[in-house]
Amino acid sequence: MTDATKALHSEFSKTIHHKFMKAIEEYKLLKRGDKVCICISGGKDSMLLGLLFREYERHGAVPIEVKYLVMDPGYSAENFELIKQNAERLDIPVDTFVTEIFKHTERIDRDPCFLCAKMRRGHLYNKAREMGCNKIALGHHFDDVIESILMGMIYGGQAQTMLPKLKAQNYAGMELIRPLYLIRERDIIKWRDYCELEFLQCACRITQREEGSKRKLIKRLIARLAEDNPQIEQNIFRSVCNVRLDRLISYKDFNGEIHSFLDGYDD
């Protein structure tokens, strides 16, 4: 057992390991016989996800098979080597494959991050399906969820959230799961620093230039609001758990049909 794994069962048992297990149970993310592809980008979140699943393979209540997949979208040789070194240090047996996503997205002026994410997702689904997997697991955490809620409202004019699991629309029989859904980013950072680990930051040159990105602005906004009200983060999350449809002006159902509060208002 690595030191980083031991820390998950001691100092970070409540803040990380317990919340990982809670998300799996509460949102029914795993079932017997699942073959799960853990998508590892090399950052702190996905590396932690890989380590947690290594432990789940050994001691989890539900028998599953796990594959650990690293895609190289065009990293520098130094960055790709760092990923492989960290995987070896954490005893995560990764499979790797190479794409040229960065070459394509760096030529795009508008929404390069959207295109990059879409292309990454497509490559990961295809590779995971080749490996016989029926689920892919991504390292989105609690802070990603609440930031997405506000981004959708402020920039997209819609109320929705990043779900803990989602059936793939274009890949029949496959499902995306987010087992870090309840884990705070600050606790992941504490775990990383406690274990003296150095993970890959975003290696995309476009993102590194965009210091004023929408997500960073939202992250700063939430941090500022939390200074006055420590319950802000939890309240943002609860806002999509306690939705009152009868108090909305309108909403869309699963088929995209719009329902108004005026429907049946005079009945």
Protein backbone atom coordinates (compact mmCIF):
# COMPACT_ATOMS: atom_id res chain seq x y z
CA MET A 1 0.00 0.00 0.00
CA THR A 2 1.45 3.38 -1.01
CA ASP A 3 1.71 6.28 1.45
CA ALA A 4 -0.88 8.18 -0.58
CA THR A 5 -3.27 5.24 -0.21
CA LYS A 6 -2.64 4.99 3.53
CA ALA A 7 -3.52 8.68 3.87
CA LEU A 8 -6.93 7.99 2.33
CA HIS A 9 -7.67 5.60 5.20
CA SER A 10 -6.35 7.88 7.95
CA GLU A 11 -6.09 11.66 7.64
CA PHE A 12 -8.46 11.84 4.66
CA SER A 13 -10.88 9.05 5.51
CA LYS A 14 -13.85 11.37 6.21
CA THR A 15 -13.18 14.07 3.65
CA ILE A 16 -12.24 11.86 0.69
CA HIS A 17 -12.65 8.10 1.04
CA HIS A 18 -15.99 8.21 2.87
CA LYS A 19 -17.44 10.71 0.37
CA PHE A 20 -16.22 8.59 -2.54
CA MET A 21 -18.04 5.58 -1.14
CA LYS A 22 -21.11 7.66 -0.33
CA ALA A 23 -21.39 8.90 -3.93
CA ILE A 24 -21.11 5.34 -5.28
CA GLU A 25 -23.87 4.13 -2.96
CA GLU A 26 -26.16 7.18 -3.03
CA TYR A 27 -26.16 7.57 -6.80
CA LYS A 28 -25.84 3.84 -7.59
CA LEU A 29 -22.78 4.38 -9.75
CA LEU A 30 -21.61 0.75 -9.84
CA LYS A 31 -23.24 -2.64 -10.24
CA ARG A 32 -21.92 -6.18 -10.23
CA GLY A 33 -20.02 -7.07 -13.38
CA ASP A 34 -19.30 -3.49 -14.49
CA LYS A 35 -16.13 -2.92 -16.46
CA VAL A 36 -15.11 0.64 -15.68
CA CYS A 37 -12.61 2.76 -17.58
CA ILE A 38 -10.95 5.33 -15.30
CA CYS A 39 -9.97 8.28 -17.49
CA ILE A 40 -6.74 9.79 -16.16
CA SER A 41 -5.59 13.16 -17.49
CA GLY A 42 -2.63 13.43 -15.12
CA GLY A 43 -4.06 16.11 -12.82
CA LYS A 44 -4.75 15.76 -9.10
CA ASP A 45 -8.43 14.87 -9.54
CA SER A 46 -8.09 12.03 -12.02
CA MET A 47 -5.02 10.62 -10.25
CA LEU A 48 -6.94 10.54 -6.98
CA LEU A 49 -9.83 8.87 -8.81
CA GLY A 50 -7.46 6.19 -10.08
CA LEU A 51 -6.07 5.57 -6.61
CA LEU A 52 -9.53 5.31 -5.06
CA PHE A 53 -10.55 2.74 -7.66
CA ARG A 54 -7.39 0.72 -7.02
CA GLU A 55 -8.61 0.41 -3.44
CA TYR A 56 -12.16 -0.34 -4.55
CA GLU A 57 -10.88 -3.15 -6.78
CA ARG A 58 -9.33 -4.78 -3.71
CA HIS A 59 -11.93 -4.10 -1.04
CA GLY A 60 -15.14 -2.83 -2.71
CA ALA A 61 -18.48 -4.45 -1.98
CA VAL A 62 -19.41 -4.80 -5.66
CA PRO A 63 -17.20 -7.00 -7.88
CA ILE A 64 -16.08 -4.96 -10.89
CA GLU A 65 -13.26 -4.87 -13.41
CA VAL A 66 -11.27 -1.66 -13.84
CA LYS A 67 -9.10 -0.29 -16.64
CA TYR A 68 -6.96 2.83 -16.20
CA LEU A 69 -6.64 4.86 -19.37
CA VAL A 70 -4.34 7.79 -20.14
CA MET A 71 -4.84 9.67 -23.38
CA ASP A 72 -2.06 11.89 -24.70
CA PRO A 73 -3.80 14.71 -26.63
CA GLY A 74 -0.44 16.28 -27.50
CA TYR A 75 1.39 16.77 -24.19
CA SER A 76 5.05 17.67 -24.14
CA ALA A 77 7.36 14.71 -23.53
CA GLU A 78 8.07 16.05 -20.03
CA ASN A 79 4.39 16.24 -19.09
CA PHE A 80 3.60 12.79 -20.42
CA GLU A 81 6.55 11.36 -18.53
CA LEU A 82 5.32 13.00 -15.31
CA ILE A 83 1.96 11.26 -15.72
CA LYS A 84 3.60 7.87 -16.14
CA GLN A 85 5.92 8.46 -13.17
CA ASN A 86 3.00 9.40 -10.90
CA ALA A 87 0.99 6.38 -12.05
CA GLU A 88 3.93 4.13 -11.17
CA ARG A 89 4.41 5.82 -7.80
CA LEU A 90 0.72 5.37 -6.96
CA ASP A 91 0.68 1.79 -8.29
CA ILE A 92 -1.89 2.59 -10.98
CA PRO A 93 -1.42 0.27 -14.01
CA VAL A 94 -2.24 2.63 -16.88
CA ASP A 95 -2.84 1.95 -20.54
CA THR A 96 -1.84 4.85 -22.80
CA PHE A 97 -2.72 5.98 -26.29
CA VAL A 98 -1.87 9.05 -28.38
CA THR A 99 -4.07 11.52 -30.28
CA GLU A 100 -3.41 14.89 -31.93
CA ILE A 101 -6.23 16.84 -30.34
CA PHE A 102 -4.09 19.84 -29.32
CA LYS A 103 -2.92 20.29 -32.92
CA HIS A 104 -6.52 20.63 -34.06
CA THR A 105 -7.83 22.83 -31.23
CA GLU A 106 -4.92 25.29 -31.27
CA ARG A 107 -6.01 26.35 -34.76
CA ILE A 108 -9.53 27.20 -33.55
CA ASP A 109 -10.25 30.79 -32.50
CA ARG A 110 -13.75 30.30 -31.07
CA ASP A 111 -14.54 27.90 -28.19
CA PRO A 112 -11.34 25.80 -28.47
CA CYS A 113 -11.99 24.36 -24.99
CA PHE A 114 -15.44 23.14 -26.01
CA LEU A 115 -14.01 21.43 -29.09
CA CYS A 116 -11.14 19.95 -27.09
CA ALA A 117 -13.51 18.52 -24.46
CA LYS A 118 -15.79 17.08 -27.15
CA MET A 119 -12.89 15.46 -29.00
CA ARG A 120 -11.39 14.07 -25.79
CA ARG A 121 -14.72 12.57 -24.77
CA GLY A 122 -15.15 10.95 -28.19
CA HIS A 123 -11.68 9.39 -28.14
CA LEU A 124 -12.15 8.15 -24.57
CA TYR A 125 -15.53 6.56 -25.29
CA ASN A 126 -14.19 4.83 -28.39
CA LYS A 127 -11.09 3.52 -26.64
CA ALA A 128 -13.06 2.43 -23.57
CA ARG A 129 -15.50 0.54 -25.78
CA GLU A 130 -12.57 -1.15 -27.55
CA MET A 131 -11.39 -2.31 -24.10
CA GLY A 132 -14.80 -3.82 -23.41
CA CYS A 133 -15.85 -1.23 -20.81
CA ASN A 134 -19.45 -0.25 -20.22
CA LYS A 135 -18.70 2.79 -18.05
CA ILE A 136 -16.16 5.60 -18.04
CA ALA A 137 -15.34 7.48 -14.83
CA LEU A 138 -14.24 11.12 -14.83
CA GLY A 139 -12.67 13.13 -12.01
CA HIS A 140 -15.20 15.96 -11.66
CA HIS A 141 -15.59 16.98 -8.00
CA PHE A 142 -18.10 18.95 -5.92
CA ASP A 143 -16.63 22.34 -6.83
CA ASP A 144 -16.87 21.52 -10.55
CA VAL A 145 -20.56 20.78 -9.99
CA ILE A 146 -21.49 24.03 -8.23
CA GLU A 147 -19.38 26.12 -10.61
CA SER A 148 -21.23 24.54 -13.54
CA ILE A 149 -24.58 25.39 -11.95
CA LEU A 150 -23.70 29.08 -11.75
CA MET A 151 -22.05 29.14 -15.18
CA GLY A 152 -25.22 27.72 -16.72
CA MET A 153 -27.37 30.36 -15.01
CA ILE A 154 -25.13 33.37 -15.59
CA TYR A 155 -23.72 32.63 -19.03
CA GLY A 156 -26.22 30.15 -20.46
CA GLY A 157 -29.52 31.41 -19.07
CA GLN A 158 -30.52 27.93 -17.90
CA ALA A 159 -30.85 26.01 -14.65
CA GLN A 160 -29.19 22.60 -14.82
CA THR A 161 -26.34 20.69 -13.27
CA MET A 162 -23.56 18.21 -13.94
CA LEU A 163 -25.14 14.85 -13.05
CA PRO A 164 -23.35 12.12 -11.05
CA LYS A 165 -24.07 9.68 -13.88
CA LEU A 166 -25.29 10.01 -17.43
CA LYS A 167 -26.13 7.53 -20.18
CA ALA A 168 -24.09 8.15 -23.31
CA GLN A 169 -26.24 9.44 -26.16
CA ASN A 170 -23.98 8.36 -29.02
CA TYR A 171 -22.49 5.21 -27.48
CA ALA A 172 -25.20 2.63 -26.84
CA GLY A 173 -24.84 0.73 -23.58
CA MET A 174 -22.21 3.05 -22.14
CA GLU A 175 -22.50 5.36 -19.16
CA LEU A 176 -20.45 8.20 -17.70
CA ILE A 177 -20.01 8.31 -13.91
CA ARG A 178 -18.49 10.91 -11.55
CA PRO A 179 -17.45 9.20 -8.30
CA LEU A 180 -15.73 12.32 -6.85
CA TYR A 181 -19.08 14.15 -6.98
CA LEU A 182 -19.25 14.88 -3.23
CA ILE A 183 -15.54 15.59 -2.61
CA ARG A 184 -14.36 19.17 -2.15
CA GLU A 185 -11.44 20.39 -4.25
CA ARG A 186 -9.73 21.87 -1.20
CA ASP A 187 -9.56 18.39 0.35
CA ILE A 188 -8.01 16.96 -2.81
CA ILE A 189 -5.39 19.72 -2.65
CA LYS A 190 -4.72 18.96 1.02
CA TRP A 191 -4.27 15.27 0.20
CA ARG A 192 -1.89 16.10 -2.67
CA ASP A 193 0.23 18.40 -0.53
CA TYR A 194 0.19 16.07 2.50
CA CYS A 195 1.57 13.27 0.31
CA GLU A 196 4.06 15.65 -1.36
CA LEU A 197 2.79 14.80 -4.81
CA GLU A 198 3.27 16.91 -7.93
CA PHE A 199 0.66 16.42 -10.61
CA LEU A 200 0.18 17.81 -14.06
CA GLN A 201 -1.57 21.16 -14.30
CA CYS A 202 -3.61 21.89 -17.41
CA ALA A 203 -1.04 21.44 -20.18
CA CYS A 204 -3.06 23.25 -22.82
CA ARG A 205 -1.35 26.45 -23.93
CA ILE A 206 -4.70 28.07 -24.74
CA THR A 207 -6.06 27.59 -21.21
CA GLN A 208 -2.83 28.83 -19.69
CA ARG A 209 -3.27 32.11 -21.59
CA GLU A 210 -6.88 32.60 -20.53
CA GLU A 211 -6.47 33.88 -16.99
CA GLY A 212 -9.92 35.48 -17.16
CA SER A 213 -11.79 32.34 -18.20
CA LYS A 214 -15.44 32.06 -17.19
CA ARG A 215 -14.82 29.13 -14.84
CA LYS A 216 -12.05 31.00 -13.03
CA LEU A 217 -14.29 34.03 -12.65
CA ILE A 218 -17.07 31.87 -11.20
CA LYS A 219 -14.61 30.16 -8.85
CA ARG A 220 -13.50 33.55 -7.51
CA LEU A 221 -17.13 34.70 -7.18
CA ILE A 222 -18.06 31.66 -5.09
CA ALA A 223 -14.98 32.10 -2.89
CA ARG A 224 -15.89 35.75 -2.30
CA LEU A 225 -19.51 34.91 -1.40
CA ALA A 226 -18.33 32.16 0.94
CA GLU A 227 -16.37 34.73 2.95
CA ASP A 228 -19.70 36.22 4.07
CA ASN A 229 -21.69 32.98 4.16
CA PRO A 230 -19.88 29.64 4.68
CA GLN A 231 -23.02 27.79 3.54
CA ILE A 232 -22.90 29.27 0.03
CA GLU A 233 -21.34 26.23 -1.65
CA GLN A 234 -23.76 23.78 -0.04
CA ASN A 235 -26.71 26.05 -0.81
CA ILE A 236 -25.77 26.22 -4.50
CA PHE A 237 -25.66 22.42 -4.58
CA ARG A 238 -28.94 22.07 -2.68
CA SER A 239 -30.64 24.45 -5.13
CA VAL A 240 -30.66 21.68 -7.75
CA CYS A 241 -31.67 19.02 -5.23
CA ASN A 242 -34.73 20.89 -3.92
CA VAL A 243 -36.32 22.10 -7.15
CA ARG A 244 -40.01 23.07 -6.95
CA LEU A 245 -41.43 22.64 -10.44
CA ASP A 246 -44.60 24.45 -9.38
CA ARG A 247 -42.51 27.52 -8.60
CA LEU A 248 -40.77 27.73 -11.99
CA ILE A 249 -41.98 29.90 -14.87
CA SER A 250 -41.27 27.05 -17.24
CA TYR A 251 -39.21 23.90 -17.55
CA LYS A 252 -38.26 21.30 -20.18
CA ASP A 253 -39.03 17.62 -19.74
CA PHE A 254 -36.88 14.70 -20.94
CA ASN A 255 -38.31 15.03 -24.45
CA GLY A 256 -37.49 18.72 -24.67
CA GLU A 257 -41.14 19.75 -24.38
CA ILE A 258 -41.64 23.05 -22.54
CA HIS A 259 -44.13 23.22 -19.67
CA SER A 260 -45.34 26.60 -18.35
CA PHE A 261 -46.73 27.50 -14.95
CA LEU A 262 -49.74 28.75 -16.93
CA ASP A 263 -50.59 25.18 -17.99
CA GLY A 264 -53.70 24.38 -15.99
CA TYR A 265 -53.33 27.60 -13.98
CA ASP A 266 -57.06 28.38 -14.17
CA ASP A 267 -58.20 24.79 -13.63
